[in-house]
C-alpha atoms as a PDB file:
ATOM      1  CA  MET A   1     -39.834  -3.316  -8.469  1.00  0.00           C
ATOM      2  CA  THR A   2     -37.065  -1.015  -9.648  1.00  0.00           C
ATOM      3  CA  ASP A   3     -34.521  -1.663 -12.368  1.00  0.00           C
ATOM      4  CA  GLU A   4     -31.941   0.430 -10.527  1.00  0.00           C
ATOM      5  CA  VAL A   5     -28.445  -1.017 -10.774  1.00  0.00           C
ATOM      6  CA  LYS A   6     -26.773  -0.950  -7.389  1.00  0.00           C
ATOM      7  CA  PRO A   7     -23.071  -0.200  -7.115  1.00  0.00           C
ATOM      8  CA  LEU A   8     -20.779  -3.114  -6.332  1.00  0.00           C
ATOM      9  CA  LEU A   9     -18.492  -2.661  -3.345  1.00  0.00           C
ATOM     10  CA  LEU A  10     -15.461  -4.867  -2.742  1.00  0.00           C
ATOM     11  CA  VAL A  11     -14.514  -5.105   0.948  1.00  0.00           C
ATOM     12  CA  VAL A  12     -11.109  -6.580   1.786  1.00  0.00           C
ATOM     13  CA  THR A  13      -9.639  -7.138   5.233  1.00  0.00           C
ATOM     14  CA  ASP A  14      -7.949 -10.025   7.008  1.00  0.00           C
ATOM     15  CA  ASP A  15      -9.820  -9.155  10.241  1.00  0.00           C
ATOM     16  CA  LEU A  16     -12.841 -11.451   9.948  1.00  0.00           C
ATOM     17  CA  ARG A  17     -14.845  -9.612  12.628  1.00  0.00           C
ATOM     18  CA  LYS A  18     -14.307  -6.316  10.808  1.00  0.00           C
ATOM     19  CA  LEU A  19     -15.142  -7.966   7.473  1.00  0.00           C
ATOM     20  CA  THR A  20     -18.443  -9.304   8.813  1.00  0.00           C
ATOM     21  CA  ARG A  21     -19.322  -6.002  10.502  1.00  0.00           C
ATOM     22  CA  LEU A  22     -18.595  -3.967   7.361  1.00  0.00           C
ATOM     23  CA  ASP A  23     -20.525  -6.377   5.166  1.00  0.00           C
ATOM     24  CA  ASP A  24     -23.548  -6.279   7.493  1.00  0.00           C
ATOM     25  CA  LEU A  25     -23.438  -2.475   7.676  1.00  0.00           C
ATOM     26  CA  LEU A  26     -23.198  -1.989   3.913  1.00  0.00           C
ATOM     27  CA  VAL A  27     -25.818  -4.616   3.040  1.00  0.00           C
ATOM     28  CA  ARG A  28     -28.266  -3.059   5.554  1.00  0.00           C
ATOM     29  CA  LYS A  29     -27.795   0.238   3.690  1.00  0.00           C
ATOM     30  CA  GLY A  30     -28.669  -1.448   0.392  1.00  0.00           C
ATOM     31  CA  TYR A  31     -25.228  -1.897  -1.157  1.00  0.00           C
ATOM     32  CA  LEU A  32     -24.141  -5.019  -3.040  1.00  0.00           C
ATOM     33  CA  THR A  33     -20.918  -6.317  -1.552  1.00  0.00           C
ATOM     34  CA  THR A  34     -18.260  -8.862  -2.292  1.00  0.00           C
ATOM     35  CA  THR A  35     -16.031  -9.625   0.682  1.00  0.00           C
ATOM     36  CA  CYS A  36     -12.554 -11.137   0.731  1.00  0.00           C
ATOM     37  CA  SER A  37     -10.110 -11.849   3.534  1.00  0.00           C
ATOM     38  CA  THR A  38      -6.978 -12.025   1.371  1.00  0.00           C
ATOM     39  CA  ILE A  39      -5.506  -9.966  -1.434  1.00  0.00           C
ATOM     40  CA  ALA A  40      -5.353 -13.099  -3.610  1.00  0.00           C
ATOM     41  CA  ASP A  41      -9.081 -13.758  -3.116  1.00  0.00           C
ATOM     42  CA  ALA A  42      -9.825 -10.115  -3.923  1.00  0.00           C
ATOM     43  CA  GLU A  43      -7.843 -10.328  -7.147  1.00  0.00           C
ATOM     44  CA  LYS A  44      -9.850 -13.410  -8.166  1.00  0.00           C
ATOM     45  CA  ALA A  45     -13.126 -11.706  -7.209  1.00  0.00           C
ATOM     46  CA  ILE A  46     -12.503  -8.689  -9.423  1.00  0.00           C
ATOM     47  CA  ALA A  47     -11.386 -10.626 -12.489  1.00  0.00           C
ATOM     48  CA  GLY A  48     -13.834  -9.740 -15.233  1.00  0.00           C
ATOM     49  CA  ARG A  49     -16.089  -7.675 -12.940  1.00  0.00           C
ATOM     50  CA  LYS A  50     -16.727  -3.964 -12.744  1.00  0.00           C
ATOM     51  CA  VAL A  51     -16.226  -2.705  -9.198  1.00  0.00           C
ATOM     52  CA  ASP A  52     -17.577   0.696  -8.197  1.00  0.00           C
ATOM     53  CA  LEU A  53     -15.773   1.074  -4.888  1.00  0.00           C
ATOM     54  CA  VAL A  54     -13.187  -0.877  -2.935  1.00  0.00           C
ATOM     55  CA  ILE A  55     -12.816  -0.633   0.830  1.00  0.00           C
ATOM     56  CA  VAL A  56      -9.546  -2.176   1.913  1.00  0.00           C
ATOM     57  CA  SER A  57      -7.927  -2.404   5.313  1.00  0.00           C
ATOM     58  CA  LYS A  58      -4.180  -2.352   5.916  1.00  0.00           C
ATOM     59  CA  MET A  59      -3.063  -5.974   5.813  1.00  0.00           C
ATOM     60  CA  GLY A  60      -0.344  -8.413   4.847  1.00  0.00           C
ATOM     61  CA  GLU A  61       2.929  -7.123   3.551  1.00  0.00           C
ATOM     62  CA  VAL A  62       3.438  -3.388   3.433  1.00  0.00           C
ATOM     63  CA  GLY A  63       1.974  -2.044   0.213  1.00  0.00           C
ATOM     64  CA  ASP A  64      -0.272  -5.029  -0.597  1.00  0.00           C
ATOM     65  CA  GLU A  65      -3.392  -2.941  -0.157  1.00  0.00           C
ATOM     66  CA  ASN A  66      -1.940  -0.201  -2.365  1.00  0.00           C
ATOM     67  CA  ALA A  67      -1.242  -2.733  -5.117  1.00  0.00           C
ATOM     68  CA  LEU A  68      -4.823  -3.994  -4.846  1.00  0.00           C
ATOM     69  CA  ILE A  69      -6.215  -0.454  -5.158  1.00  0.00           C
ATOM     70  CA  TRP A  70      -4.062   0.080  -8.249  1.00  0.00           C
ATOM     71  CA  LYS A  71      -5.255  -3.203  -9.779  1.00  0.00           C
ATOM     72  CA  VAL A  72      -8.928  -2.435  -9.110  1.00  0.00           C
ATOM     73  CA  LYS A  73      -8.544   0.965 -10.754  1.00  0.00           C
ATOM     74  CA  GLN A  74      -6.847  -0.596 -13.781  1.00  0.00           C
ATOM     75  CA  LEU A  75      -9.747  -3.031 -14.230  1.00  0.00           C
ATOM     76  CA  SER A  76     -12.468  -0.522 -13.288  1.00  0.00           C
ATOM     77  CA  PRO A  77     -11.134   2.961 -14.151  1.00  0.00           C
ATOM     78  CA  ASN A  78     -14.068   4.759 -12.521  1.00  0.00           C
ATOM     79  CA  ALA A  79     -13.771   2.824  -9.278  1.00  0.00           C
ATOM     80  CA  ARG A  80     -13.213   4.742  -6.074  1.00  0.00           C
ATOM     81  CA  ALA A  81     -11.167   3.481  -3.120  1.00  0.00           C
ATOM     82  CA  ILE A  82     -11.189   3.860   0.649  1.00  0.00           C
ATOM     83  CA  LEU A  83      -8.277   2.668   2.759  1.00  0.00           C
ATOM     84  CA  LEU A  84      -9.010   1.890   6.408  1.00  0.00           C
ATOM     85  CA  ASP A  85      -6.044   2.238   8.743  1.00  0.00           C
ATOM     86  CA  ASP A  86      -6.212   1.313  12.418  1.00  0.00           C
ATOM     87  CA  HIS A  87      -2.600   2.319  13.154  1.00  0.00           C
ATOM     88  CA  PRO A  88      -1.816   5.402  11.082  1.00  0.00           C
ATOM     89  CA  ASP A  89       1.494   7.168  10.880  1.00  0.00           C
ATOM     90  CA  TRP A  90       2.637   9.931   8.581  1.00  0.00           C
ATOM     91  CA  ALA A  91       4.239   7.661   5.953  1.00  0.00           C
ATOM     92  CA  ALA A  92       1.219   5.359   5.900  1.00  0.00           C
ATOM     93  CA  GLU A  93      -1.086   8.320   5.322  1.00  0.00           C
ATOM     94  CA  VAL A  94       0.780   9.490   2.214  1.00  0.00           C
ATOM     95  CA  ALA A  95       1.355   6.169   0.400  1.00  0.00           C
ATOM     96  CA  PRO A  96      -2.310   5.150  -0.064  1.00  0.00           C
ATOM     97  CA  LEU A  97      -3.234   8.472  -1.578  1.00  0.00           C
ATOM     98  CA  ASN A  98      -0.281   8.178  -3.961  1.00  0.00           C
ATOM     99  CA  SER A  99      -1.455   4.702  -5.018  1.00  0.00           C
ATOM    100  CA  GLY A 100      -4.912   5.875  -5.944  1.00  0.00           C
ATOM    101  CA  ALA A 101      -6.928   5.703  -2.750  1.00  0.00           C
ATOM    102  CA  ASP A 102      -9.524   8.452  -2.790  1.00  0.00           C
ATOM    103  CA  GLU A 103      -9.924   8.519   0.964  1.00  0.00           C
ATOM    104  CA  LEU A 104      -8.021   7.367   4.019  1.00  0.00           C
ATOM    105  CA  LEU A 105     -10.076   6.730   7.143  1.00  0.00           C
ATOM    106  CA  THR A 106      -7.977   6.350  10.251  1.00  0.00           C
ATOM    107  CA  ALA A 107      -9.110   4.864  13.536  1.00  0.00           C
ATOM    108  CA  PRO A 108     -11.202   5.742  15.294  1.00  0.00           C
ATOM    109  CA  TYR A 109     -13.818   6.287  12.594  1.00  0.00           C
ATOM    110  CA  SER A 110     -17.534   5.734  13.032  1.00  0.00           C
ATOM    111  CA  ASP A 111     -19.907   3.719  10.878  1.00  0.00           C
ATOM    112  CA  ASP A 112     -21.607   6.995   9.974  1.00  0.00           C
ATOM    113  CA  GLU A 113     -18.296   8.478   8.765  1.00  0.00           C
ATOM    114  CA  LEU A 114     -17.640   5.413   6.624  1.00  0.00           C
ATOM    115  CA  LEU A 115     -21.158   5.439   5.162  1.00  0.00           C
ATOM    116  CA  GLU A 116     -20.936   9.155   4.388  1.00  0.00           C
ATOM    117  CA  CYS A 117     -17.598   8.617   2.661  1.00  0.00           C
ATOM    118  CA  VAL A 118     -19.035   5.716   0.614  1.00  0.00           C
ATOM    119  CA  LYS A 119     -22.073   7.762  -0.356  1.00  0.00           C
ATOM    120  CA  ASN A 120     -19.994  10.787  -1.394  1.00  0.00           C
ATOM    121  CA  LEU A 121     -17.467   8.791  -3.401  1.00  0.00           C
ATOM    122  CA  LEU A 122     -20.167   6.850  -5.238  1.00  0.00           C
ATOM    123  CA  ALA A 123     -21.931  10.124  -6.052  1.00  0.00           C
ATOM    124  CA  GLY A 124     -18.713  11.343  -7.659  1.00  0.00           C
ATOM    125  CA  GLY A 125     -17.896  13.809  -4.934  1.00  0.00           C
ATOM    126  CA  THR A 126     -15.091  14.094  -2.486  1.00  0.00           C
ATOM    127  CA  PRO A 127     -15.361  12.907   1.097  1.00  0.00           C
END
């Protein structure tokens, strides 16, 4: 058995089908995940925990996901962030990157693209 410490990924989306699919995908690839369907639950989940990467989908009020990314990075300064956006527009593409998201994946993106982005960000690289 290995003593390797696996990175912790926080996955946040209010789309329960997407949340389940992402969790299944990431767990199958060996990642430890915490999933939340609300920003409030995500804030509780990260209290006192080091998060390595957050994957958050556009949800709730405009900017909620950006505030969550900022909060995660305040609590875990080395954390990386991916914002998933199913309905991108120019303004939406700029704001997440200004709030600290390291990558913006816009629909349609494949599972392989997401996994490659996760792998690269956790390795300290760029997507």
